[in-house]
Amino acid sequence: MSLLITALIALPIQARSSNLSPQVQVKNIVWLTPDATQIGSNRVGFGVADKMVKFVASQLPEIEHKLVRANSKRSLQMLESGEAACHPSLIRSSERERIAYFSNTLLLPPMQLIVRTDKVEALPRDGQGAVDLNRLLADPNLRGALTERRSYGDYIDGIIATRPENKRVQSYSPADFGGKLLQMLLADRADYLIDFPTSMDLMLNTQASRNESLQALPIQGATDFMVIGVACPRNAWGLEAIHAIDRVLSTPAGVTLMRESSARLLRPEAQRVCSARQEAFYKDRAKPSKFF
């Protein structure tokens, strides 16, 4: 297991802060989720997030649970401002660790470049077919589409943050965390984006040209698996909320839900490659977390 994933998984098992006021109570949780009317069943993570919220709500009936539709930009703003809100399925990154507590739920392979098939030959790739993202983001001939404030993992986030000025690479704030960008590729309004390959698979299941229109290619250097989890604001309320949520997710029923959800988000070949890592991840996840 990579050093990054080992570090991420280890974070929630550190000692809990001792200066938390015992008066803090969680009576309501606002759950921040993408707009389901925009994505239907064609987005990786939404079905998982929806089931996660329903499960947690059923196990914590003493807390009032409310769904609020929010895109990635708005969700991060609410967590930063410390509102009484949690996100059920957020990619864990160094930046987000500073504003939120996480209860790990999913372990997935790194994102890949989703590209129009007619643009594959124009991509800067190495001998193994992996895309040089630094060169691609500087290419004035190819149109890139990124989701504002979405994390693609620490490695890719670092490349995006330091990319050169290029008007052909645009950032968007779609209601569905990026699903509409896939439609932009099909409509020839963009040439590439970054996402989980399963997102492309789910969308193309409804397209007649699903075997020809888009392809998923690995990105050079993006090898670390990605941890996804429930995120609550890094304040006293968020600490109490994440403890309550983590407690029910650590039950046998909670771990089963997470394990089955993760399997559905992997391509068959990825399931074979990832089986050992998944097993170790959920064995560790069956133990209640502690937070600092």
C-alpha atoms as a PDB file:
ATOM      1  CA  MET A   1       0.000   0.000   0.000  1.00  0.00           C
ATOM      2  CA  SER A   2       1.364   3.440  -0.902  1.00  0.00           C
ATOM      3  CA  LEU A   3       2.659   5.834   1.719  1.00  0.00           C
ATOM      4  CA  LEU A   4      -0.125   8.303   0.845  1.00  0.00           C
ATOM      5  CA  ILE A   5      -2.918   5.810   1.422  1.00  0.00           C
ATOM      6  CA  THR A   6      -1.263   4.490   4.577  1.00  0.00           C
ATOM      7  CA  ALA A   7      -1.127   8.049   5.905  1.00  0.00           C
ATOM      8  CA  LEU A   8      -4.711   8.820   4.981  1.00  0.00           C
ATOM      9  CA  ILE A   9      -6.073   5.661   6.549  1.00  0.00           C
ATOM     10  CA  ALA A  10      -4.014   6.249   9.683  1.00  0.00           C
ATOM     11  CA  LEU A  11      -5.265   9.784  10.242  1.00  0.00           C
ATOM     12  CA  PRO A  12      -8.649   8.953  11.817  1.00  0.00           C
ATOM     13  CA  ILE A  13      -7.162   6.553  14.391  1.00  0.00           C
ATOM     14  CA  GLN A  14      -5.231   9.206  16.240  1.00  0.00           C
ATOM     15  CA  ALA A  15      -6.177  10.422  19.694  1.00  0.00           C
ATOM     16  CA  ARG A  16      -9.321  12.457  20.095  1.00  0.00           C
ATOM     17  CA  SER A  17      -9.009  16.038  21.259  1.00  0.00           C
ATOM     18  CA  SER A  18      -9.635  16.403  24.984  1.00  0.00           C
ATOM     19  CA  ASN A  19     -10.798  20.020  24.919  1.00  0.00           C
ATOM     20  CA  LEU A  20     -14.157  19.420  23.221  1.00  0.00           C
ATOM     21  CA  SER A  21     -17.012  21.011  25.112  1.00  0.00           C
ATOM     22  CA  PRO A  22     -19.453  18.365  26.447  1.00  0.00           C
ATOM     23  CA  GLN A  23     -22.306  20.792  25.715  1.00  0.00           C
ATOM     24  CA  VAL A  24     -21.967  20.292  21.942  1.00  0.00           C
ATOM     25  CA  GLN A  25     -24.896  18.261  20.610  1.00  0.00           C
ATOM     26  CA  VAL A  26     -25.819  17.188  17.114  1.00  0.00           C
ATOM     27  CA  LYS A  27     -29.545  17.583  16.624  1.00  0.00           C
ATOM     28  CA  ASN A  28     -29.584  18.132  12.855  1.00  0.00           C
ATOM     29  CA  ILE A  29     -27.354  17.172   9.935  1.00  0.00           C
ATOM     30  CA  VAL A  30     -27.632  18.825   6.538  1.00  0.00           C
ATOM     31  CA  TRP A  31     -26.325  16.386   3.918  1.00  0.00           C
ATOM     32  CA  LEU A  32     -24.704  18.029   0.899  1.00  0.00           C
ATOM     33  CA  THR A  33     -25.316  15.988  -2.245  1.00  0.00           C
ATOM     34  CA  PRO A  34     -25.166  16.579  -6.009  1.00  0.00           C
ATOM     35  CA  ASP A  35     -28.360  17.412  -7.852  1.00  0.00           C
ATOM     36  CA  ALA A  36     -29.934  14.020  -8.568  1.00  0.00           C
ATOM     37  CA  THR A  37     -32.192  15.529 -11.234  1.00  0.00           C
ATOM     38  CA  GLN A  38     -29.042  16.365 -13.201  1.00  0.00           C
ATOM     39  CA  ILE A  39     -27.365  12.989 -12.985  1.00  0.00           C
ATOM     40  CA  GLY A  40     -29.886  10.231 -12.550  1.00  0.00           C
ATOM     41  CA  SER A  41     -27.879   7.021 -12.185  1.00  0.00           C
ATOM     42  CA  ASN A  42     -25.016   8.073 -14.449  1.00  0.00           C
ATOM     43  CA  ARG A  43     -22.518   9.398 -11.917  1.00  0.00           C
ATOM     44  CA  VAL A  44     -20.051   7.454  -9.845  1.00  0.00           C
ATOM     45  CA  GLY A  45     -20.622   8.170  -6.180  1.00  0.00           C
ATOM     46  CA  PHE A  46     -24.151   9.563  -6.200  1.00  0.00           C
ATOM     47  CA  GLY A  47     -25.913   6.215  -5.729  1.00  0.00           C
ATOM     48  CA  VAL A  48     -23.357   5.355  -3.071  1.00  0.00           C
ATOM     49  CA  ALA A  49     -23.828   8.693  -1.299  1.00  0.00           C
ATOM     50  CA  ASP A  50     -27.606   8.358  -1.398  1.00  0.00           C
ATOM     51  CA  LYS A  51     -27.486   4.897   0.189  1.00  0.00           C
ATOM     52  CA  MET A  52     -24.952   6.069   2.746  1.00  0.00           C
ATOM     53  CA  VAL A  53     -27.205   8.909   3.889  1.00  0.00           C
ATOM     54  CA  LYS A  54     -30.255   6.639   4.108  1.00  0.00           C
ATOM     55  CA  PHE A  55     -28.325   4.086   6.140  1.00  0.00           C
ATOM     56  CA  VAL A  56     -26.884   6.629   8.569  1.00  0.00           C
ATOM     57  CA  ALA A  57     -30.277   8.329   8.976  1.00  0.00           C
ATOM     58  CA  SER A  58     -31.926   4.984   9.759  1.00  0.00           C
ATOM     59  CA  GLN A  59     -29.318   4.282  12.447  1.00  0.00           C
ATOM     60  CA  LEU A  60     -29.445   7.765  13.983  1.00  0.00           C
ATOM     61  CA  PRO A  61     -33.191   8.481  14.216  1.00  0.00           C
ATOM     62  CA  GLU A  62     -32.650  10.885  17.114  1.00  0.00           C
ATOM     63  CA  ILE A  63     -30.970  13.273  14.654  1.00  0.00           C
ATOM     64  CA  GLU A  64     -32.937  15.158  12.010  1.00  0.00           C
ATOM     65  CA  HIS A  65     -31.443  14.573   8.554  1.00  0.00           C
ATOM     66  CA  LYS A  66     -32.013  16.923   5.637  1.00  0.00           C
ATOM     67  CA  LEU A  67     -30.752  16.722   2.028  1.00  0.00           C
ATOM     68  CA  VAL A  68     -29.490  19.890   0.371  1.00  0.00           C
ATOM     69  CA  ARG A  69     -28.320  19.888  -3.247  1.00  0.00           C
ATOM     70  CA  ALA A  70     -24.947  21.575  -3.617  1.00  0.00           C
ATOM     71  CA  ASN A  71     -22.186  21.414  -6.207  1.00  0.00           C
ATOM     72  CA  SER A  72     -18.538  20.887  -5.276  1.00  0.00           C
ATOM     73  CA  LYS A  73     -17.772  24.603  -4.894  1.00  0.00           C
ATOM     74  CA  ARG A  74     -20.730  25.287  -2.608  1.00  0.00           C
ATOM     75  CA  SER A  75     -20.137  22.097  -0.582  1.00  0.00           C
ATOM     76  CA  LEU A  76     -16.538  23.063   0.184  1.00  0.00           C
ATOM     77  CA  GLN A  77     -17.590  26.607   1.079  1.00  0.00           C
ATOM     78  CA  MET A  78     -20.111  25.297   3.616  1.00  0.00           C
ATOM     79  CA  LEU A  79     -17.562  22.961   5.186  1.00  0.00           C
ATOM     80  CA  GLU A  80     -15.013  25.792   5.360  1.00  0.00           C
ATOM     81  CA  SER A  81     -17.481  28.108   7.058  1.00  0.00           C
ATOM     82  CA  GLY A  82     -18.249  25.443   9.669  1.00  0.00           C
ATOM     83  CA  GLU A  83     -21.936  25.039   8.949  1.00  0.00           C
ATOM     84  CA  ALA A  84     -23.829  22.103  10.473  1.00  0.00           C
ATOM     85  CA  ALA A  85     -23.511  20.118   7.261  1.00  0.00           C
ATOM     86  CA  CYS A  86     -21.679  16.982   6.114  1.00  0.00           C
ATOM     87  CA  HIS A  87     -20.840  15.573   2.717  1.00  0.00           C
ATOM     88  CA  PRO A  88     -21.482  11.824   2.327  1.00  0.00           C
ATOM     89  CA  SER A  89     -18.916  11.073  -0.402  1.00  0.00           C
ATOM     90  CA  LEU A  90     -15.949  13.435  -0.649  1.00  0.00           C
ATOM     91  CA  ILE A  91     -12.473  12.632  -1.967  1.00  0.00           C
ATOM     92  CA  ARG A  92      -9.972  12.985   0.828  1.00  0.00           C
ATOM     93  CA  SER A  93      -7.038  15.285   0.078  1.00  0.00           C
ATOM     94  CA  SER A  94      -4.428  17.298   1.976  1.00  0.00           C
ATOM     95  CA  GLU A  95      -6.309  20.542   1.337  1.00  0.00           C
ATOM     96  CA  ARG A  96      -9.590  19.119   2.601  1.00  0.00           C
ATOM     97  CA  GLU A  97      -7.974  17.667   5.721  1.00  0.00           C
ATOM     98  CA  ARG A  98      -7.535  21.254   6.903  1.00  0.00           C
ATOM     99  CA  ILE A  99     -11.254  22.008   6.818  1.00  0.00           C
ATOM    100  CA  ALA A 100     -12.977  18.693   7.535  1.00  0.00           C
ATOM    101  CA  TYR A 101     -12.965  15.513   9.595  1.00  0.00           C
ATOM    102  CA  PHE A 102     -13.269  12.340   7.519  1.00  0.00           C
ATOM    103  CA  SER A 103     -14.726   8.911   8.144  1.00  0.00           C
ATOM    104  CA  ASN A 104     -13.295   6.708   5.381  1.00  0.00           C
ATOM    105  CA  THR A 105     -15.819   4.791   3.277  1.00  0.00           C
ATOM    106  CA  LEU A 106     -14.317   3.894  -0.122  1.00  0.00           C
ATOM    107  CA  LEU A 107     -10.922   3.057  -1.605  1.00  0.00           C
ATOM    108  CA  LEU A 108     -10.688   3.480  -5.384  1.00  0.00           C
ATOM    109  CA  PRO A 109      -7.943   3.430  -8.042  1.00  0.00           C
ATOM    110  CA  PRO A 110      -6.737   6.841  -9.281  1.00  0.00           C
ATOM    111  CA  MET A 111      -8.773   8.840 -11.758  1.00  0.00           C
ATOM    112  CA  GLN A 112      -7.873   8.724 -15.437  1.00  0.00           C
ATOM    113  CA  LEU A 113      -8.076  11.013 -18.439  1.00  0.00           C
ATOM    114  CA  ILE A 114     -11.414  10.645 -20.250  1.00  0.00           C
ATOM    115  CA  VAL A 115     -10.873  11.716 -23.852  1.00  0.00           C
ATOM    116  CA  ARG A 116     -12.722  11.775 -27.132  1.00  0.00           C
ATOM    117  CA  THR A 117     -11.512   8.861 -29.223  1.00  0.00           C
ATOM    118  CA  ASP A 118     -10.844  11.123 -32.195  1.00  0.00           C
ATOM    119  CA  LYS A 119      -8.356  13.105 -30.055  1.00  0.00           C
ATOM    120  CA  VAL A 120      -6.336  10.212 -28.629  1.00  0.00           C
ATOM    121  CA  GLU A 121      -3.581  10.437 -31.237  1.00  0.00           C
ATOM    122  CA  ALA A 122      -3.001  14.109 -30.376  1.00  0.00           C
ATOM    123  CA  LEU A 123      -2.303  13.397 -26.693  1.00  0.00           C
ATOM    124  CA  PRO A 124       1.224  13.551 -25.245  1.00  0.00           C
ATOM    125  CA  ARG A 125       1.774   9.959 -24.057  1.00  0.00           C
ATOM    126  CA  ASP A 126       4.679   7.800 -23.010  1.00  0.00           C
ATOM    127  CA  GLY A 127       5.602   4.353 -24.284  1.00  0.00           C
ATOM    128  CA  GLN A 128       3.083   2.706 -21.947  1.00  0.00           C
ATOM    129  CA  GLY A 129       0.260   4.928 -23.150  1.00  0.00           C
ATOM    130  CA  ALA A 130       0.037   7.079 -20.010  1.00  0.00           C
ATOM    131  CA  VAL A 131      -0.787  10.761 -20.552  1.00  0.00           C
ATOM    132  CA  ASP A 132       1.668  13.525 -19.641  1.00  0.00           C
ATOM    133  CA  LEU A 133      -0.789  15.826 -17.869  1.00  0.00           C
ATOM    134  CA  ASN A 134       1.674  18.712 -17.547  1.00  0.00           C
ATOM    135  CA  ARG A 135       2.138  18.888 -21.304  1.00  0.00           C
ATOM    136  CA  LEU A 136      -1.532  18.303 -22.025  1.00  0.00           C
ATOM    137  CA  LEU A 137      -2.752  21.186 -19.839  1.00  0.00           C
ATOM    138  CA  ALA A 138      -0.371  23.502 -21.712  1.00  0.00           C
ATOM    139  CA  ASP A 139      -1.501  22.326 -25.166  1.00  0.00           C
ATOM    140  CA  PRO A 140      -3.381  25.154 -26.954  1.00  0.00           C
ATOM    141  CA  ASN A 141      -4.958  22.758 -29.444  1.00  0.00           C
ATOM    142  CA  LEU A 142      -6.957  20.546 -27.080  1.00  0.00           C
ATOM    143  CA  ARG A 143      -9.946  21.655 -24.988  1.00  0.00           C
ATOM    144  CA  GLY A 144      -9.908  20.594 -21.344  1.00  0.00           C
ATOM    145  CA  ALA A 145     -12.843  20.682 -18.911  1.00  0.00           C
ATOM    146  CA  LEU A 146     -12.250  20.714 -15.148  1.00  0.00           C
ATOM    147  CA  THR A 147     -14.664  20.875 -12.220  1.00  0.00           C
ATOM    148  CA  GLU A 148     -14.018  23.825  -9.943  1.00  0.00           C
ATOM    149  CA  ARG A 149     -12.851  22.786  -6.455  1.00  0.00           C
ATOM    150  CA  ARG A 150     -13.205  19.109  -7.201  1.00  0.00           C
ATOM    151  CA  SER A 151     -10.242  17.058  -5.957  1.00  0.00           C
ATOM    152  CA  TYR A 152      -8.662  14.612  -8.372  1.00  0.00           C
ATOM    153  CA  GLY A 153      -6.211  13.332  -5.759  1.00  0.00           C
ATOM    154  CA  ASP A 154      -3.198  15.149  -4.332  1.00  0.00           C
ATOM    155  CA  TYR A 155      -0.870  14.377  -7.239  1.00  0.00           C
ATOM    156  CA  ILE A 156      -3.207  15.572  -9.997  1.00  0.00           C
ATOM    157  CA  ASP A 157      -4.412  18.500  -7.854  1.00  0.00           C
ATOM    158  CA  GLY A 158      -0.814  19.704  -7.620  1.00  0.00           C
ATOM    159  CA  ILE A 159      -0.379  19.641 -11.396  1.00  0.00           C
ATOM    160  CA  ILE A 160      -3.652  21.508 -11.960  1.00  0.00           C
ATOM    161  CA  ALA A 161      -2.785  24.138  -9.344  1.00  0.00           C
ATOM    162  CA  THR A 162       0.512  24.965 -11.072  1.00  0.00           C
ATOM    163  CA  ARG A 163      -0.608  24.640 -14.699  1.00  0.00           C
ATOM    164  CA  PRO A 164       0.297  27.439 -17.131  1.00  0.00           C
ATOM    165  CA  GLU A 165      -2.255  29.918 -18.412  1.00  0.00           C
ATOM    166  CA  ASN A 166      -4.253  28.240 -21.168  1.00  0.00           C
ATOM    167  CA  LYS A 167      -7.617  29.525 -22.364  1.00  0.00           C
ATOM    168  CA  ARG A 168      -8.387  26.108 -23.829  1.00  0.00           C
ATOM    169  CA  VAL A 169      -8.651  24.639 -20.325  1.00  0.00           C
ATOM    170  CA  GLN A 170     -11.816  25.814 -18.588  1.00  0.00           C
ATOM    171  CA  SER A 171     -13.180  25.230 -15.080  1.00  0.00           C
ATOM    172  CA  TYR A 172     -16.906  24.703 -14.468  1.00  0.00           C
ATOM    173  CA  SER A 173     -19.194  24.408 -11.429  1.00  0.00           C
ATOM    174  CA  PRO A 174     -21.850  21.920 -12.575  1.00  0.00           C
ATOM    175  CA  ALA A 175     -24.582  20.890 -10.162  1.00  0.00           C
ATOM    176  CA  ASP A 176     -23.593  17.252 -10.407  1.00  0.00           C
ATOM    177  CA  PHE A 177     -19.864  17.346  -9.527  1.00  0.00           C
ATOM    178  CA  GLY A 178     -18.912  16.949 -13.183  1.00  0.00           C
ATOM    179  CA  GLY A 179     -21.411  14.656 -14.894  1.00  0.00           C
ATOM    180  CA  LYS A 180     -22.435  17.305 -17.392  1.00  0.00           C
ATOM    181  CA  LEU A 181     -18.842  17.606 -18.503  1.00  0.00           C
ATOM    182  CA  LEU A 182     -19.033  14.078 -19.904  1.00  0.00           C
ATOM    183  CA  GLN A 183     -21.971  15.217 -21.999  1.00  0.00           C
ATOM    184  CA  MET A 184     -19.811  18.104 -23.217  1.00  0.00           C
ATOM    185  CA  LEU A 185     -17.281  15.600 -24.544  1.00  0.00           C
ATOM    186  CA  LEU A 186     -19.974  13.687 -26.412  1.00  0.00           C
ATOM    187  CA  ALA A 187     -21.293  16.952 -27.854  1.00  0.00           C
ATOM    188  CA  ASP A 188     -17.768  17.901 -29.029  1.00  0.00           C
ATOM    189  CA  ARG A 189     -17.666  20.958 -26.756  1.00  0.00           C
ATOM    190  CA  ALA A 190     -14.556  19.645 -24.985  1.00  0.00           C
ATOM    191  CA  ASP A 191     -11.855  17.086 -25.763  1.00  0.00           C
ATOM    192  CA  TYR A 192     -10.894  15.705 -22.359  1.00  0.00           C
ATOM    193  CA  LEU A 193     -11.573  15.724 -18.617  1.00  0.00           C
ATOM    194  CA  ILE A 194     -10.444  13.787 -15.560  1.00  0.00           C
ATOM    195  CA  ASP A 195     -12.748  11.314 -13.832  1.00  0.00           C
ATOM    196  CA  PHE A 196     -13.228   7.724 -12.729  1.00  0.00           C
ATOM    197  CA  PRO A 197     -13.518   5.371 -15.727  1.00  0.00           C
ATOM    198  CA  THR A 198     -16.730   3.980 -14.254  1.00  0.00           C
ATOM    199  CA  SER A 199     -18.371   7.399 -14.623  1.00  0.00           C
ATOM    200  CA  MET A 200     -17.776   7.142 -18.350  1.00  0.00           C
ATOM    201  CA  ASP A 201     -19.000   3.528 -18.433  1.00  0.00           C
ATOM    202  CA  LEU A 202     -22.247   4.355 -16.654  1.00  0.00           C
ATOM    203  CA  MET A 203     -23.040   7.230 -18.964  1.00  0.00           C
ATOM    204  CA  LEU A 204     -22.141   5.398 -22.157  1.00  0.00           C
ATOM    205  CA  ASN A 205     -24.392   2.484 -21.243  1.00  0.00           C
ATOM    206  CA  THR A 206     -27.216   4.601 -22.659  1.00  0.00           C
ATOM    207  CA  GLN A 207     -25.300   5.666 -25.764  1.00  0.00           C
ATOM    208  CA  ALA A 208     -25.389   3.701 -29.012  1.00  0.00           C
ATOM    209  CA  SER A 209     -21.750   4.591 -29.749  1.00  0.00           C
ATOM    210  CA  ARG A 210     -20.492   3.663 -26.273  1.00  0.00           C
ATOM    211  CA  ASN A 211     -17.618   1.533 -27.598  1.00  0.00           C
ATOM    212  CA  GLU A 212     -16.235   4.233 -29.856  1.00  0.00           C
ATOM    213  CA  SER A 213     -16.882   7.754 -28.572  1.00  0.00           C
ATOM    214  CA  LEU A 214     -14.728   8.054 -25.417  1.00  0.00           C
ATOM    215  CA  GLN A 215     -11.706   6.348 -23.899  1.00  0.00           C
ATOM    216  CA  ALA A 216     -10.120   6.277 -20.432  1.00  0.00           C
ATOM    217  CA  LEU A 217      -6.313   6.506 -20.262  1.00  0.00           C
ATOM    218  CA  PRO A 218      -3.940   6.450 -17.253  1.00  0.00           C
ATOM    219  CA  ILE A 219      -2.154   9.629 -16.200  1.00  0.00           C
ATOM    220  CA  GLN A 220       1.616   9.586 -15.650  1.00  0.00           C
ATOM    221  CA  GLY A 221       2.470   9.633 -11.954  1.00  0.00           C
ATOM    222  CA  ALA A 222      -1.131   9.194 -10.735  1.00  0.00           C
ATOM    223  CA  THR A 223      -0.700   5.819  -9.031  1.00  0.00           C
ATOM    224  CA  ASP A 224      -1.959   6.341  -5.468  1.00  0.00           C
ATOM    225  CA  PHE A 225      -5.338   4.900  -4.613  1.00  0.00           C
ATOM    226  CA  MET A 226      -7.947   7.453  -3.555  1.00  0.00           C
ATOM    227  CA  VAL A 227      -9.721   7.477  -0.200  1.00  0.00           C
ATOM    228  CA  ILE A 228     -13.305   8.735  -0.175  1.00  0.00           C
ATOM    229  CA  GLY A 229     -15.269   9.404   2.970  1.00  0.00           C
ATOM    230  CA  VAL A 230     -17.982  11.235   4.837  1.00  0.00           C
ATOM    231  CA  ALA A 231     -16.741  14.754   5.638  1.00  0.00           C
ATOM    232  CA  CYS A 232     -17.935  17.084   8.398  1.00  0.00           C
ATOM    233  CA  PRO A 233     -16.546  20.544   9.267  1.00  0.00           C
ATOM    234  CA  ARG A 234     -13.418  20.725  11.410  1.00  0.00           C
ATOM    235  CA  ASN A 235     -15.045  22.265  14.482  1.00  0.00           C
ATOM    236  CA  ALA A 236     -16.671  21.029  17.703  1.00  0.00           C
ATOM    237  CA  TRP A 237     -20.001  20.291  16.015  1.00  0.00           C
ATOM    238  CA  GLY A 238     -18.298  18.448  13.158  1.00  0.00           C
ATOM    239  CA  LEU A 239     -16.275  16.318  15.555  1.00  0.00           C
ATOM    240  CA  GLU A 240     -19.405  15.171  17.367  1.00  0.00           C
ATOM    241  CA  ALA A 241     -21.205  14.564  14.064  1.00  0.00           C
ATOM    242  CA  ILE A 242     -18.382  12.522  12.541  1.00  0.00           C
ATOM    243  CA  HIS A 243     -18.151  10.409  15.706  1.00  0.00           C
ATOM    244  CA  ALA A 244     -21.845   9.560  15.493  1.00  0.00           C
ATOM    245  CA  ILE A 245     -21.633   8.789  11.768  1.00  0.00           C
ATOM    246  CA  ASP A 246     -18.437   6.758  12.116  1.00  0.00           C
ATOM    247  CA  ARG A 247     -19.965   4.685  14.899  1.00  0.00           C
ATOM    248  CA  VAL A 248     -22.758   3.367  12.670  1.00  0.00           C
ATOM    249  CA  LEU A 249     -20.506   2.946   9.624  1.00  0.00           C
ATOM    250  CA  SER A 250     -18.186   0.745  11.705  1.00  0.00           C
ATOM    251  CA  THR A 251     -20.941  -1.779  12.396  1.00  0.00           C
ATOM    252  CA  PRO A 252     -21.070  -5.015  10.345  1.00  0.00           C
ATOM    253  CA  ALA A 253     -24.013  -3.620   8.342  1.00  0.00           C
ATOM    254  CA  GLY A 254     -22.155  -0.382   7.688  1.00  0.00           C
ATOM    255  CA  VAL A 255     -18.977  -2.102   6.529  1.00  0.00           C
ATOM    256  CA  THR A 256     -20.998  -4.410   4.269  1.00  0.00           C
ATOM    257  CA  LEU A 257     -22.682  -1.393   2.678  1.00  0.00           C
ATOM    258  CA  MET A 258     -19.328   0.294   2.048  1.00  0.00           C
ATOM    259  CA  ARG A 259     -17.700  -2.866   0.702  1.00  0.00           C
ATOM    260  CA  GLU A 260     -20.561  -3.572  -1.722  1.00  0.00           C
ATOM    261  CA  SER A 261     -20.683   0.060  -2.833  1.00  0.00           C
ATOM    262  CA  SER A 262     -16.967   0.052  -3.576  1.00  0.00           C
ATOM    263  CA  ALA A 263     -17.236  -3.124  -5.656  1.00  0.00           C
ATOM    264  CA  ARG A 264     -19.911  -1.541  -7.844  1.00  0.00           C
ATOM    265  CA  LEU A 265     -17.603   1.391  -8.618  1.00  0.00           C
ATOM    266  CA  LEU A 266     -14.805  -0.790  -9.994  1.00  0.00           C
ATOM    267  CA  ARG A 267     -14.397  -2.252 -13.442  1.00  0.00           C
ATOM    268  CA  PRO A 268     -14.018  -6.074 -13.402  1.00  0.00           C
ATOM    269  CA  GLU A 269     -10.274  -5.872 -14.119  1.00  0.00           C
ATOM    270  CA  ALA A 270      -9.843  -3.301 -11.345  1.00  0.00           C
ATOM    271  CA  GLN A 271     -11.688  -5.545  -8.881  1.00  0.00           C
ATOM    272  CA  ARG A 272      -9.127  -8.288  -9.478  1.00  0.00           C
ATOM    273  CA  VAL A 273      -6.153  -5.953  -9.097  1.00  0.00           C
ATOM    274  CA  CYS A 274      -7.567  -4.145  -6.058  1.00  0.00           C
ATOM    275  CA  SER A 275      -8.946  -7.100  -4.099  1.00  0.00           C
ATOM    276  CA  ALA A 276      -6.073  -7.329  -1.589  1.00  0.00           C
ATOM    277  CA  ARG A 277      -6.055  -3.567  -0.924  1.00  0.00           C
ATOM    278  CA  GLN A 278      -9.825  -3.519  -0.565  1.00  0.00           C
ATOM    279  CA  GLU A 279      -9.725  -6.375   1.926  1.00  0.00           C
ATOM    280  CA  ALA A 280      -7.115  -4.634   4.081  1.00  0.00           C
ATOM    281  CA  PHE A 281      -8.991  -1.321   3.858  1.00  0.00           C
ATOM    282  CA  TYR A 282     -12.328  -2.740   5.052  1.00  0.00           C
ATOM    283  CA  LYS A 283     -10.731  -4.899   7.724  1.00  0.00           C
ATOM    284  CA  ASP A 284      -9.280  -1.711   9.182  1.00  0.00           C
ATOM    285  CA  ARG A 285     -12.539   0.162   8.541  1.00  0.00           C
ATOM    286  CA  ALA A 286     -14.489  -2.282  10.717  1.00  0.00           C
ATOM    287  CA  LYS A 287     -12.828  -0.713  13.761  1.00  0.00           C
ATOM    288  CA  PRO A 288     -14.320   2.547  15.087  1.00  0.00           C
ATOM    289  CA  SER A 289     -12.184   5.567  14.228  1.00  0.00           C
ATOM    290  CA  LYS A 290     -10.812   8.211  16.544  1.00  0.00           C
ATOM    291  CA  PHE A 291     -10.202  11.790  15.501  1.00  0.00           C
ATOM    292  CA  PHE A 292      -7.880  14.578  16.541  1.00  0.00           C
END
